[in-house]
Amino acid sequence: GIMNIMLVSVTERTREIGIMKAIGAEDREIKLIFFFEAAVIGACGGLIGVLAGWGMTGLANRLAYRFVLKPQAASYIDFFSLPPWLSASAIAFALTVSILAALYPAARAARIDPVRALRHD
């Protein structure tokens, strides 16, 4: 999905890439733009996933207490938990996958010919 979004982004910004290259942008700089965009998408996706996981864990703990422990007059305990290292690893994994998915679109953007890009609609 991230690669698809990045390829569409390259296609939509072909003219902008041509202008950047015409005024002297290097291929490395254009690649960095797309890697940074992919990293932001991956980090946001990972963060949203971790927040959803924390929310589901909290909901599962409350439901487990209400339907399992409370009828037996037991005290509240956490059945489920997400350790901080797992949350950080999930965000790092999402970031890594998104940057790897941006390799081809970034290379494609860097190969765009400025003359053809400026003629592009």
PDB file of N, CA and C in Angstrom:
ATOM      1  N   GLY A   1       0.808  -1.191   0.000  1.00  0.00           N
ATOM      2  CA  GLY A   1       0.000   0.000   0.000  1.00  0.00           C
ATOM      3  C   GLY A   1       0.858   1.265   0.000  1.00  0.00           C
ATOM      4  N   ILE A   2       1.913   1.245   0.789  1.00  0.00           N
ATOM      5  CA  ILE A   2       2.778   2.431   0.842  1.00  0.00           C
ATOM      6  C   ILE A   2       3.481   2.636  -0.489  1.00  0.00           C
ATOM      7  N   MET A   3       3.916   1.550  -1.105  1.00  0.00           N
ATOM      8  CA  MET A   3       4.574   1.687  -2.407  1.00  0.00           C
ATOM      9  C   MET A   3       3.605   2.255  -3.435  1.00  0.00           C
ATOM     10  N   ASN A   4       2.372   1.809  -3.403  1.00  0.00           N
ATOM     11  CA  ASN A   4       1.366   2.316  -4.326  1.00  0.00           C
ATOM     12  C   ASN A   4       1.138   3.808  -4.112  1.00  0.00           C
ATOM     13  N   ILE A   5       1.020   4.215  -2.859  1.00  0.00           N
ATOM     14  CA  ILE A   5       0.833   5.638  -2.546  1.00  0.00           C
ATOM     15  C   ILE A   5       2.034   6.441  -3.036  1.00  0.00           C
ATOM     16  N   MET A   6       3.220   5.918  -2.842  1.00  0.00           N
ATOM     17  CA  MET A   6       4.421   6.641  -3.261  1.00  0.00           C
ATOM     18  C   MET A   6       4.527   6.726  -4.787  1.00  0.00           C
ATOM     19  N   LEU A   7       4.130   5.668  -5.489  1.00  0.00           N
ATOM     20  CA  LEU A   7       4.149   5.717  -6.954  1.00  0.00           C
ATOM     21  C   LEU A   7       3.148   6.744  -7.478  1.00  0.00           C
ATOM     22  N   VAL A   8       1.979   6.809  -6.853  1.00  0.00           N
ATOM     23  CA  VAL A   8       1.001   7.822  -7.243  1.00  0.00           C
ATOM     24  C   VAL A   8       1.547   9.210  -6.948  1.00  0.00           C
ATOM     25  N   SER A   9       2.229   9.360  -5.829  1.00  0.00           N
ATOM     26  CA  SER A   9       2.829  10.644  -5.468  1.00  0.00           C
ATOM     27  C   SER A   9       3.879  11.061  -6.496  1.00  0.00           C
ATOM     28  N   VAL A  10       4.684  10.130  -6.966  1.00  0.00           N
ATOM     29  CA  VAL A  10       5.682  10.429  -7.993  1.00  0.00           C
ATOM     30  C   VAL A  10       4.986  10.871  -9.282  1.00  0.00           C
ATOM     31  N   THR A  11       3.934  10.151  -9.655  1.00  0.00           N
ATOM     32  CA  THR A  11       3.216  10.489 -10.878  1.00  0.00           C
ATOM     33  C   THR A  11       2.567  11.867 -10.779  1.00  0.00           C
ATOM     34  N   GLU A  12       1.959  12.155  -9.634  1.00  0.00           N
ATOM     35  CA  GLU A  12       1.298  13.447  -9.471  1.00  0.00           C
ATOM     36  C   GLU A  12       2.293  14.601  -9.412  1.00  0.00           C
ATOM     37  N   ARG A  13       3.487  14.347  -8.934  1.00  0.00           N
ATOM     38  CA  ARG A  13       4.457  15.423  -8.765  1.00  0.00           C
ATOM     39  C   ARG A  13       5.561  15.404  -9.817  1.00  0.00           C
ATOM     40  N   THR A  14       5.293  14.789 -10.947  1.00  0.00           N
ATOM     41  CA  THR A  14       6.299  14.712 -12.001  1.00  0.00           C
ATOM     42  C   THR A  14       6.759  16.098 -12.421  1.00  0.00           C
ATOM     43  N   ARG A  15       5.833  16.994 -12.589  1.00  0.00           N
ATOM     44  CA  ARG A  15       6.174  18.360 -13.003  1.00  0.00           C
ATOM     45  C   ARG A  15       7.032  19.064 -11.938  1.00  0.00           C
ATOM     46  N   GLU A  16       6.667  18.899 -10.671  1.00  0.00           N
ATOM     47  CA  GLU A  16       7.452  19.503  -9.592  1.00  0.00           C
ATOM     48  C   GLU A  16       8.867  18.931  -9.550  1.00  0.00           C
ATOM     49  N   ILE A  17       8.974  17.624  -9.759  1.00  0.00           N
ATOM     50  CA  ILE A  17      10.290  16.980  -9.780  1.00  0.00           C
ATOM     51  C   ILE A  17      11.119  17.544 -10.931  1.00  0.00           C
ATOM     52  N   GLY A  18      10.494  17.731 -12.089  1.00  0.00           N
ATOM     53  CA  GLY A  18      11.185  18.313 -13.239  1.00  0.00           C
ATOM     54  C   GLY A  18      11.686  19.714 -12.933  1.00  0.00           C
ATOM     55  N   ILE A  19      10.873  20.517 -12.262  1.00  0.00           N
ATOM     56  CA  ILE A  19      11.296  21.873 -11.892  1.00  0.00           C
ATOM     57  C   ILE A  19      12.464  21.813 -10.919  1.00  0.00           C
ATOM     58  N   MET A  20      12.378  20.925  -9.927  1.00  0.00           N
ATOM     59  CA  MET A  20      13.475  20.804  -8.959  1.00  0.00           C
ATOM     60  C   MET A  20      14.776  20.407  -9.650  1.00  0.00           C
ATOM     61  N   LYS A  21      14.681  19.453 -10.576  1.00  0.00           N
ATOM     62  CA  LYS A  21      15.883  19.015 -11.281  1.00  0.00           C
ATOM     63  C   LYS A  21      16.397  20.112 -12.205  1.00  0.00           C
ATOM     64  N   ALA A  22      15.497  20.885 -12.806  1.00  0.00           N
ATOM     65  CA  ALA A  22      15.914  21.958 -13.710  1.00  0.00           C
ATOM     66  C   ALA A  22      16.666  23.071 -12.973  1.00  0.00           C
ATOM     67  N   ILE A  23      16.318  23.286 -11.698  1.00  0.00           N
ATOM     68  CA  ILE A  23      17.016  24.338 -10.957  1.00  0.00           C
ATOM     69  C   ILE A  23      18.211  23.799 -10.165  1.00  0.00           C
ATOM     70  N   GLY A  24      18.519  22.521 -10.370  1.00  0.00           N
ATOM     71  CA  GLY A  24      19.762  22.001  -9.809  1.00  0.00           C
ATOM     72  C   GLY A  24      19.661  20.970  -8.707  1.00  0.00           C
ATOM     73  N   ALA A  25      18.486  20.452  -8.439  1.00  0.00           N
ATOM     74  CA  ALA A  25      18.369  19.423  -7.407  1.00  0.00           C
ATOM     75  C   ALA A  25      19.053  18.137  -7.872  1.00  0.00           C
ATOM     76  N   GLU A  26      19.759  17.513  -6.969  1.00  0.00           N
ATOM     77  CA  GLU A  26      20.434  16.257  -7.291  1.00  0.00           C
ATOM     78  C   GLU A  26      19.488  15.080  -7.079  1.00  0.00           C
ATOM     79  N   ASP A  27      19.828  13.958  -7.683  1.00  0.00           N
ATOM     80  CA  ASP A  27      19.011  12.752  -7.531  1.00  0.00           C
ATOM     81  C   ASP A  27      18.882  12.355  -6.063  1.00  0.00           C
ATOM     82  N   ARG A  28      19.969  12.504  -5.317  1.00  0.00           N
ATOM     83  CA  ARG A  28      19.971  12.153  -3.894  1.00  0.00           C
ATOM     84  C   ARG A  28      18.951  12.971  -3.120  1.00  0.00           C
ATOM     85  N   GLU A  29      18.855  14.243  -3.435  1.00  0.00           N
ATOM     86  CA  GLU A  29      17.897  15.121  -2.742  1.00  0.00           C
ATOM     87  C   GLU A  29      16.459  14.740  -3.059  1.00  0.00           C
ATOM     88  N   ILE A  30      16.207  14.378  -4.286  1.00  0.00           N
ATOM     89  CA  ILE A  30      14.853  13.961  -4.667  1.00  0.00           C
ATOM     90  C   ILE A  30      14.496  12.646  -3.988  1.00  0.00           C
ATOM     91  N   LYS A  31      15.446  11.728  -3.921  1.00  0.00           N
ATOM     92  CA  LYS A  31      15.207  10.471  -3.210  1.00  0.00           C
ATOM     93  C   LYS A  31      14.901  10.726  -1.738  1.00  0.00           C
ATOM     94  N   LEU A  32      15.649  11.635  -1.132  1.00  0.00           N
ATOM     95  CA  LEU A  32      15.439  11.937   0.289  1.00  0.00           C
ATOM     96  C   LEU A  32      14.036  12.491   0.544  1.00  0.00           C
ATOM     97  N   ILE A  33      13.523  13.280  -0.365  1.00  0.00           N
ATOM     98  CA  ILE A  33      12.163  13.811  -0.217  1.00  0.00           C
ATOM     99  C   ILE A  33      11.166  12.665  -0.129  1.00  0.00           C
ATOM    100  N   PHE A  34      11.301  11.697  -1.018  1.00  0.00           N
ATOM    101  CA  PHE A  34      10.358  10.583  -1.025  1.00  0.00           C
ATOM    102  C   PHE A  34      10.583   9.622   0.139  1.00  0.00           C
ATOM    103  N   PHE A  35      11.831   9.438   0.551  1.00  0.00           N
ATOM    104  CA  PHE A  35      12.083   8.610   1.735  1.00  0.00           C
ATOM    105  C   PHE A  35      11.487   9.253   2.983  1.00  0.00           C
ATOM    106  N   PHE A  36      11.629  10.564   3.087  1.00  0.00           N
ATOM    107  CA  PHE A  36      11.070  11.262   4.244  1.00  0.00           C
ATOM    108  C   PHE A  36       9.544  11.164   4.250  1.00  0.00           C
ATOM    109  N   GLU A  37       8.926  11.330   3.090  1.00  0.00           N
ATOM    110  CA  GLU A  37       7.468  11.205   3.001  1.00  0.00           C
ATOM    111  C   GLU A  37       7.013   9.804   3.406  1.00  0.00           C
ATOM    112  N   ALA A  38       7.714   8.787   2.927  1.00  0.00           N
ATOM    113  CA  ALA A  38       7.374   7.404   3.292  1.00  0.00           C
ATOM    114  C   ALA A  38       7.592   7.165   4.778  1.00  0.00           C
ATOM    115  N   ALA A  39       8.654   7.739   5.328  1.00  0.00           N
ATOM    116  CA  ALA A  39       8.922   7.567   6.757  1.00  0.00           C
ATOM    117  C   ALA A  39       7.812   8.193   7.602  1.00  0.00           C
ATOM    118  N   VAL A  40       7.321   9.342   7.188  1.00  0.00           N
ATOM    119  CA  VAL A  40       6.224   9.984   7.919  1.00  0.00           C
ATOM    120  C   VAL A  40       4.963   9.119   7.849  1.00  0.00           C
ATOM    121  N   ILE A  41       4.683   8.585   6.677  1.00  0.00           N
ATOM    122  CA  ILE A  41       3.510   7.712   6.524  1.00  0.00           C
ATOM    123  C   ILE A  41       3.663   6.476   7.406  1.00  0.00           C
ATOM    124  N   GLY A  42       4.829   5.850   7.392  1.00  0.00           N
ATOM    125  CA  GLY A  42       5.066   4.654   8.204  1.00  0.00           C
ATOM    126  C   GLY A  42       5.016   4.935   9.694  1.00  0.00           C
ATOM    127  N   ALA A  43       5.621   6.049  10.115  1.00  0.00           N
ATOM    128  CA  ALA A  43       5.607   6.388  11.538  1.00  0.00           C
ATOM    129  C   ALA A  43       4.191   6.684  12.016  1.00  0.00           C
ATOM    130  N   CYS A  44       3.429   7.403  11.211  1.00  0.00           N
ATOM    131  CA  CYS A  44       2.030   7.691  11.585  1.00  0.00           C
ATOM    132  C   CYS A  44       1.211   6.409  11.648  1.00  0.00           C
ATOM    133  N   GLY A  45       1.400   5.528  10.667  1.00  0.00           N
ATOM    134  CA  GLY A  45       0.690   4.250  10.683  1.00  0.00           C
ATOM    135  C   GLY A  45       1.062   3.396  11.878  1.00  0.00           C
ATOM    136  N   GLY A  46       2.354   3.344  12.196  1.00  0.00           N
ATOM    137  CA  GLY A  46       2.805   2.588  13.365  1.00  0.00           C
ATOM    138  C   GLY A  46       2.269   3.165  14.659  1.00  0.00           C
ATOM    139  N   LEU A  47       2.266   4.487  14.771  1.00  0.00           N
ATOM    140  CA  LEU A  47       1.754   5.141  15.971  1.00  0.00           C
ATOM    141  C   LEU A  47       0.259   4.907  16.128  1.00  0.00           C
ATOM    142  N   ILE A  48      -0.474   5.002  15.039  1.00  0.00           N
ATOM    143  CA  ILE A  48      -1.916   4.736  15.098  1.00  0.00           C
ATOM    144  C   ILE A  48      -2.170   3.285  15.501  1.00  0.00           C
ATOM    145  N   GLY A  49      -1.371   2.365  14.964  1.00  0.00           N
ATOM    146  CA  GLY A  49      -1.509   0.953  15.326  1.00  0.00           C
ATOM    147  C   GLY A  49      -1.221   0.696  16.794  1.00  0.00           C
ATOM    148  N   VAL A  50      -0.177   1.337  17.312  1.00  0.00           N
ATOM    149  CA  VAL A  50       0.165   1.164  18.732  1.00  0.00           C
ATOM    150  C   VAL A  50      -0.940   1.746  19.615  1.00  0.00           C
ATOM    151  N   LEU A  51      -1.435   2.922  19.261  1.00  0.00           N
ATOM    152  CA  LEU A  51      -2.527   3.519  20.042  1.00  0.00           C
ATOM    153  C   LEU A  51      -3.789   2.655  20.002  1.00  0.00           C
ATOM    154  N   ALA A  52      -4.078   2.088  18.841  1.00  0.00           N
ATOM    155  CA  ALA A  52      -5.228   1.180  18.742  1.00  0.00           C
ATOM    156  C   ALA A  52      -4.999  -0.070  19.593  1.00  0.00           C
ATOM    157  N   GLY A  53      -3.769  -0.571  19.590  1.00  0.00           N
ATOM    158  CA  GLY A  53      -3.446  -1.732  20.422  1.00  0.00           C
ATOM    159  C   GLY A  53      -3.607  -1.438  21.902  1.00  0.00           C
ATOM    160  N   TRP A  54      -3.145  -0.257  22.340  1.00  0.00           N
ATOM    161  CA  TRP A  54      -3.327   0.125  23.745  1.00  0.00           C
ATOM    162  C   TRP A  54      -4.799   0.245  24.093  1.00  0.00           C
ATOM    163  N   GLY A  55      -5.568   0.838  23.180  1.00  0.00           N
ATOM    164  CA  GLY A  55      -7.011   0.973  23.422  1.00  0.00           C
ATOM    165  C   GLY A  55      -7.709  -0.376  23.517  1.00  0.00           C
ATOM    166  N   MET A  56      -7.361  -1.281  22.620  1.00  0.00           N
ATOM    167  CA  MET A  56      -7.972  -2.620  22.642  1.00  0.00           C
ATOM    168  C   MET A  56      -7.545  -3.401  23.883  1.00  0.00           C
ATOM    169  N   THR A  57      -6.303  -3.220  24.306  1.00  0.00           N
ATOM    170  CA  THR A  57      -5.830  -3.881  25.523  1.00  0.00           C
ATOM    171  C   THR A  57      -6.599  -3.392  26.742  1.00  0.00           C
ATOM    172  N   GLY A  58      -6.781  -2.063  26.824  1.00  0.00           N
ATOM    173  CA  GLY A  58      -7.549  -1.499  27.939  1.00  0.00           C
ATOM    174  C   GLY A  58      -8.987  -1.985  27.937  1.00  0.00           C
ATOM    175  N   LEU A  59      -9.599  -2.023  26.751  1.00  0.00           N
ATOM    176  CA  LEU A  59     -10.980  -2.502  26.636  1.00  0.00           C
ATOM    177  C   LEU A  59     -11.075  -3.980  27.002  1.00  0.00           C
ATOM    178  N   ALA A  60     -10.116  -4.781  26.530  1.00  0.00           N
ATOM    179  CA  ALA A  60     -10.129  -6.216  26.842  1.00  0.00           C
ATOM    180  C   ALA A  60      -9.948  -6.445  28.344  1.00  0.00           C
ATOM    181  N   ASN A  61      -9.092  -5.667  28.991  1.00  0.00           N
ATOM    182  CA  ASN A  61      -8.901  -5.797  30.439  1.00  0.00           C
ATOM    183  C   ASN A  61     -10.179  -5.439  31.196  1.00  0.00           C
ATOM    184  N   ARG A  62     -10.856  -4.377  30.790  1.00  0.00           N
ATOM    185  CA  ARG A  62     -12.105  -3.984  31.460  1.00  0.00           C
ATOM    186  C   ARG A  62     -13.209  -5.032  31.263  1.00  0.00           C
ATOM    187  N   LEU A  63     -13.308  -5.558  30.036  1.00  0.00           N
ATOM    188  CA  LEU A  63     -14.313  -6.587  29.779  1.00  0.00           C
ATOM    189  C   LEU A  63     -13.997  -7.868  30.552  1.00  0.00           C
ATOM    190  N   ALA A  64     -12.715  -8.227  30.617  1.00  0.00           N
ATOM    191  CA  ALA A  64     -12.338  -9.429  31.372  1.00  0.00           C
ATOM    192  C   ALA A  64     -12.660  -9.245  32.852  1.00  0.00           C
ATOM    193  N   TYR A  65     -12.409  -8.063  33.385  1.00  0.00           N
ATOM    194  CA  TYR A  65     -12.739  -7.806  34.790  1.00  0.00           C
ATOM    195  C   TYR A  65     -14.241  -7.875  35.008  1.00  0.00           C
ATOM    196  N   ARG A  66     -14.990  -7.234  34.126  1.00  0.00           N
ATOM    197  CA  ARG A  66     -16.442  -7.164  34.310  1.00  0.00           C
ATOM    198  C   ARG A  66     -17.112  -8.530  34.217  1.00  0.00           C
ATOM    199  N   PHE A  67     -16.688  -9.345  33.257  1.00  0.00           N
ATOM    200  CA  PHE A  67     -17.388 -10.608  33.022  1.00  0.00           C
ATOM    201  C   PHE A  67     -16.718 -11.827  33.659  1.00  0.00           C
ATOM    202  N   VAL A  68     -15.468 -11.701  34.106  1.00  0.00           N
ATOM    203  CA  VAL A  68     -14.786 -12.858  34.695  1.00  0.00           C
ATOM    204  C   VAL A  68     -14.508 -12.645  36.182  1.00  0.00           C
ATOM    205  N   LEU A  69     -13.877 -11.549  36.513  1.00  0.00           N
ATOM    206  CA  LEU A  69     -13.442 -11.348  37.906  1.00  0.00           C
ATOM    207  C   LEU A  69     -14.529 -10.765  38.801  1.00  0.00           C
ATOM    208  N   LYS A  70     -15.253  -9.795  38.316  1.00  0.00           N
ATOM    209  CA  LYS A  70     -16.258  -9.124  39.147  1.00  0.00           C
ATOM    210  C   LYS A  70     -17.344 -10.085  39.644  1.00  0.00           C
ATOM    211  N   PRO A  71     -17.870 -10.995  38.801  1.00  0.00           N
ATOM    212  CA  PRO A  71     -18.860 -11.947  39.313  1.00  0.00           C
ATOM    213  C   PRO A  71     -18.324 -12.859  40.420  1.00  0.00           C
ATOM    214  N   GLN A  72     -17.012 -13.039  40.456  1.00  0.00           N
ATOM    215  CA  GLN A  72     -16.413 -13.882  41.483  1.00  0.00           C
ATOM    216  C   GLN A  72     -15.881 -13.060  42.657  1.00  0.00           C
ATOM    217  N   ALA A  73     -16.170 -11.766  42.647  1.00  0.00           N
ATOM    218  CA  ALA A  73     -15.744 -10.831  43.693  1.00  0.00           C
ATOM    219  C   ALA A  73     -14.219 -10.791  43.848  1.00  0.00           C
ATOM    220  N   ALA A  74     -13.520 -10.897  42.748  1.00  0.00           N
ATOM    221  CA  ALA A  74     -12.055 -10.835  42.757  1.00  0.00           C
ATOM    222  C   ALA A  74     -11.602  -9.407  42.468  1.00  0.00           C
ATOM    223  N   SER A  75     -10.391  -9.092  42.837  1.00  0.00           N
ATOM    224  CA  SER A  75      -9.865  -7.747  42.592  1.00  0.00           C
ATOM    225  C   SER A  75      -9.403  -7.621  41.138  1.00  0.00           C
ATOM    226  N   TYR A  76      -9.260  -6.393  40.696  1.00  0.00           N
ATOM    227  CA  TYR A  76      -8.885  -6.092  39.307  1.00  0.00           C
ATOM    228  C   TYR A  76      -7.418  -6.440  39.057  1.00  0.00           C
ATOM    229  N   ILE A  77      -7.171  -7.136  37.957  1.00  0.00           N
ATOM    230  CA  ILE A  77      -5.811  -7.384  37.485  1.00  0.00           C
ATOM    231  C   ILE A  77      -5.804  -7.198  35.972  1.00  0.00           C
ATOM    232  N   ASP A  78      -4.630  -6.912  35.446  1.00  0.00           N
ATOM    233  CA  ASP A  78      -4.475  -6.796  33.993  1.00  0.00           C
ATOM    234  C   ASP A  78      -4.231  -8.183  33.398  1.00  0.00           C
ATOM    235  N   PHE A  79      -5.150  -8.611  32.551  1.00  0.00           N
ATOM    236  CA  PHE A  79      -4.957  -9.864  31.826  1.00  0.00           C
ATOM    237  C   PHE A  79      -4.006  -9.656  30.654  1.00  0.00           C
ATOM    238  N   PHE A  80      -4.145  -8.513  30.006  1.00  0.00           N
ATOM    239  CA  PHE A  80      -3.395  -8.224  28.791  1.00  0.00           C
ATOM    240  C   PHE A  80      -2.563  -6.965  29.007  1.00  0.00           C
ATOM    241  N   SER A  81      -1.372  -6.945  28.422  1.00  0.00           N
ATOM    242  CA  SER A  81      -0.544  -5.737  28.492  1.00  0.00           C
ATOM    243  C   SER A  81       0.371  -5.673  27.278  1.00  0.00           C
ATOM    244  N   LEU A  82       0.728  -4.472  26.906  1.00  0.00           N
ATOM    245  CA  LEU A  82       1.695  -4.249  25.837  1.00  0.00           C
ATOM    246  C   LEU A  82       2.909  -3.567  26.447  1.00  0.00           C
ATOM    247  N   PRO A  83       4.036  -4.260  26.506  1.00  0.00           N
ATOM    248  CA  PRO A  83       5.232  -3.622  27.077  1.00  0.00           C
ATOM    249  C   PRO A  83       5.736  -2.503  26.155  1.00  0.00           C
ATOM    250  N   PRO A  84       6.373  -1.518  26.733  1.00  0.00           N
ATOM    251  CA  PRO A  84       6.869  -0.390  25.931  1.00  0.00           C
ATOM    252  C   PRO A  84       7.839  -0.808  24.825  1.00  0.00           C
ATOM    253  N   TRP A  85       8.661  -1.824  25.062  1.00  0.00           N
ATOM    254  CA  TRP A  85       9.600  -2.261  24.037  1.00  0.00           C
ATOM    255  C   TRP A  85       8.868  -2.811  22.815  1.00  0.00           C
ATOM    256  N   LEU A  86       7.715  -3.442  23.027  1.00  0.00           N
ATOM    257  CA  LEU A  86       6.952  -3.976  21.911  1.00  0.00           C
ATOM    258  C   LEU A  86       6.326  -2.842  21.100  1.00  0.00           C
ATOM    259  N   SER A  87       5.848  -1.819  21.784  1.00  0.00           N
ATOM    260  CA  SER A  87       5.279  -0.664  21.092  1.00  0.00           C
ATOM    261  C   SER A  87       6.347   0.051  20.267  1.00  0.00           C
ATOM    262  N   ALA A  88       7.514   0.255  20.851  1.00  0.00           N
ATOM    263  CA  ALA A  88       8.607   0.907  20.127  1.00  0.00           C
ATOM    264  C   ALA A  88       9.062   0.053  18.939  1.00  0.00           C
ATOM    265  N   SER A  89       9.096  -1.258  19.131  1.00  0.00           N
ATOM    266  CA  SER A  89       9.486  -2.156  18.040  1.00  0.00           C
ATOM    267  C   SER A  89       8.474  -2.123  16.906  1.00  0.00           C
ATOM    268  N   ALA A  90       7.205  -2.021  17.234  1.00  0.00           N
ATOM    269  CA  ALA A  90       6.165  -1.963  16.202  1.00  0.00           C
ATOM    270  C   ALA A  90       6.298  -0.694  15.366  1.00  0.00           C
ATOM    271  N   ILE A  91       6.566   0.419  16.019  1.00  0.00           N
ATOM    272  CA  ILE A  91       6.742   1.675  15.288  1.00  0.00           C
ATOM    273  C   ILE A  91       8.008   1.616  14.427  1.00  0.00           C
ATOM    274  N   ALA A  92       9.090   1.068  14.977  1.00  0.00           N
ATOM    275  CA  ALA A  92      10.333   0.933  14.209  1.00  0.00           C
ATOM    276  C   ALA A  92      10.148   0.004  13.013  1.00  0.00           C
ATOM    277  N   PHE A  93       9.397  -1.070  13.200  1.00  0.00           N
ATOM    278  CA  PHE A  93       9.125  -1.993  12.093  1.00  0.00           C
ATOM    279  C   PHE A  93       8.316  -1.308  11.003  1.00  0.00           C
ATOM    280  N   ALA A  94       7.290  -0.563  11.385  1.00  0.00           N
ATOM    281  CA  ALA A  94       6.475   0.154  10.408  1.00  0.00           C
ATOM    282  C   ALA A  94       7.322   1.177   9.645  1.00  0.00           C
ATOM    283  N   LEU A  95       8.206   1.841  10.352  1.00  0.00           N
ATOM    284  CA  LEU A  95       9.100   2.818   9.730  1.00  0.00           C
ATOM    285  C   LEU A  95      10.041   2.138   8.738  1.00  0.00           C
ATOM    286  N   THR A  96      10.606   1.009   9.122  1.00  0.00           N
ATOM    287  CA  THR A  96      11.519   0.272   8.250  1.00  0.00           C
ATOM    288  C   THR A  96      10.810  -0.231   6.995  1.00  0.00           C
ATOM    289  N   VAL A  97       9.634  -0.794   7.167  1.00  0.00           N
ATOM    290  CA  VAL A  97       8.882  -1.302   6.019  1.00  0.00           C
ATOM    291  C   VAL A  97       8.527  -0.166   5.065  1.00  0.00           C
ATOM    292  N   SER A  98       8.131   0.975   5.603  1.00  0.00           N
ATOM    293  CA  SER A  98       7.753   2.087   4.732  1.00  0.00           C
ATOM    294  C   SER A  98       8.951   2.633   3.954  1.00  0.00           C
ATOM    295  N   ILE A  99      10.113   2.678   4.580  1.00  0.00           N
ATOM    296  CA  ILE A  99      11.300   3.155   3.870  1.00  0.00           C
ATOM    297  C   ILE A  99      11.716   2.155   2.799  1.00  0.00           C
ATOM    298  N   LEU A 100      11.616   0.869   3.098  1.00  0.00           N
ATOM    299  CA  LEU A 100      11.923  -0.148   2.078  1.00  0.00           C
ATOM    300  C   LEU A 100      10.932  -0.092   0.918  1.00  0.00           C
ATOM    301  N   ALA A 101       9.674   0.203   1.239  1.00  0.00           N
ATOM    302  CA  ALA A 101       8.657   0.302   0.183  1.00  0.00           C
ATOM    303  C   ALA A 101       8.879   1.531  -0.684  1.00  0.00           C
ATOM    304  N   ALA A 102       9.615   2.512  -0.204  1.00  0.00           N
ATOM    305  CA  ALA A 102       9.862   3.733  -0.967  1.00  0.00           C
ATOM    306  C   ALA A 102      11.106   3.638  -1.845  1.00  0.00           C
ATOM    307  N   LEU A 103      11.847   2.538  -1.780  1.00  0.00           N
ATOM    308  CA  LEU A 103      13.065   2.425  -2.579  1.00  0.00           C
ATOM    309  C   LEU A 103      12.790   2.567  -4.072  1.00  0.00           C
ATOM    310  N   TYR A 104      11.860   1.801  -4.590  1.00  0.00           N
ATOM    311  CA  TYR A 104      11.569   1.856  -6.021  1.00  0.00           C
ATOM    312  C   TYR A 104      10.953   3.190  -6.438  1.00  0.00           C
ATOM    313  N   PRO A 105       9.912   3.688  -5.743  1.00  0.00           N
ATOM    314  CA  PRO A 105       9.362   4.987  -6.157  1.00  0.00           C
ATOM    315  C   PRO A 105      10.379   6.131  -6.089  1.00  0.00           C
ATOM    316  N   ALA A 106      11.244   6.127  -5.085  1.00  0.00           N
ATOM    317  CA  ALA A 106      12.252   7.183  -4.976  1.00  0.00           C
ATOM    318  C   ALA A 106      13.257   7.089  -6.122  1.00  0.00           C
ATOM    319  N   ALA A 107      13.666   5.882  -6.465  1.00  0.00           N
ATOM    320  CA  ALA A 107      14.585   5.702  -7.589  1.00  0.00           C
ATOM    321  C   ALA A 107      13.927   6.126  -8.895  1.00  0.00           C
ATOM    322  N   ARG A 108      12.665   5.813  -9.034  1.00  0.00           N
ATOM    323  CA  ARG A 108      11.919   6.210 -10.235  1.00  0.00           C
ATOM    324  C   ARG A 108      11.815   7.734 -10.331  1.00  0.00           C
ATOM    325  N   ALA A 109      11.572   8.382  -9.210  1.00  0.00           N
ATOM    326  CA  ALA A 109      11.479   9.837  -9.202  1.00  0.00           C
ATOM    327  C   ALA A 109      12.821  10.468  -9.551  1.00  0.00           C
ATOM    328  N   ALA A 110      13.904   9.872  -9.078  1.00  0.00           N
ATOM    329  CA  ALA A 110      15.229  10.432  -9.344  1.00  0.00           C
ATOM    330  C   ALA A 110      15.630  10.267 -10.815  1.00  0.00           C
ATOM    331  N   ARG A 111      15.075   9.266 -11.497  1.00  0.00           N
ATOM    332  CA  ARG A 111      15.418   9.019 -12.902  1.00  0.00           C
ATOM    333  C   ARG A 111      14.615   9.864 -13.880  1.00  0.00           C
ATOM    334  N   ILE A 112      13.658  10.625 -13.401  1.00  0.00           N
ATOM    335  CA  ILE A 112      12.803  11.407 -14.297  1.00  0.00           C
ATOM    336  C   ILE A 112      13.645  12.433 -15.044  1.00  0.00           C
ATOM    337  N   ASP A 113      13.431  12.496 -16.347  1.00  0.00           N
ATOM    338  CA  ASP A 113      14.120  13.473 -17.190  1.00  0.00           C
ATOM    339  C   ASP A 113      13.435  14.836 -17.020  1.00  0.00           C
ATOM    340  N   PRO A 114      14.183  15.880 -16.674  1.00  0.00           N
ATOM    341  CA  PRO A 114      13.558  17.172 -16.418  1.00  0.00           C
ATOM    342  C   PRO A 114      12.795  17.744 -17.612  1.00  0.00           C
ATOM    343  N   VAL A 115      13.295  17.528 -18.815  1.00  0.00           N
ATOM    344  CA  VAL A 115      12.615  18.071 -19.997  1.00  0.00           C
ATOM    345  C   VAL A 115      11.261  17.408 -20.188  1.00  0.00           C
ATOM    346  N   ARG A 116      11.230  16.087 -20.101  1.00  0.00           N
ATOM    347  CA  ARG A 116       9.951  15.374 -20.248  1.00  0.00           C
ATOM    348  C   ARG A 116       9.002  15.694 -19.090  1.00  0.00           C
ATOM    349  N   ALA A 117       9.560  15.867 -17.894  1.00  0.00           N
ATOM    350  CA  ALA A 117       8.728  16.171 -16.730  1.00  0.00           C
ATOM    351  C   ALA A 117       8.058  17.536 -16.876  1.00  0.00           C
ATOM    352  N   LEU A 118       8.759  18.483 -17.423  1.00  0.00           N
ATOM    353  CA  LEU A 118       8.167  19.816 -17.595  1.00  0.00           C
ATOM    354  C   LEU A 118       7.088  19.825 -18.681  1.00  0.00           C
ATOM    355  N   ARG A 119       7.161  18.886 -19.610  1.00  0.00           N
ATOM    356  CA  ARG A 119       6.108  18.773 -20.635  1.00  0.00           C
ATOM    357  C   ARG A 119       4.895  17.987 -20.139  1.00  0.00           C
ATOM    358  N   HIS A 120       5.068  17.296 -19.028  1.00  0.00           N
ATOM    359  CA  HIS A 120       4.002  16.438 -18.483  1.00  0.00           C
ATOM    360  C   HIS A 120       2.821  17.300 -18.025  1.00  0.00           C
ATOM    361  N   ASP A 121       1.572  16.819 -18.256  1.00  0.00           N
ATOM    362  CA  ASP A 121       0.379  17.598 -17.850  1.00  0.00           C
ATOM    363  C   ASP A 121       0.384  17.778 -16.369  1.00  0.00           C
TER     364      ASP A 121
END
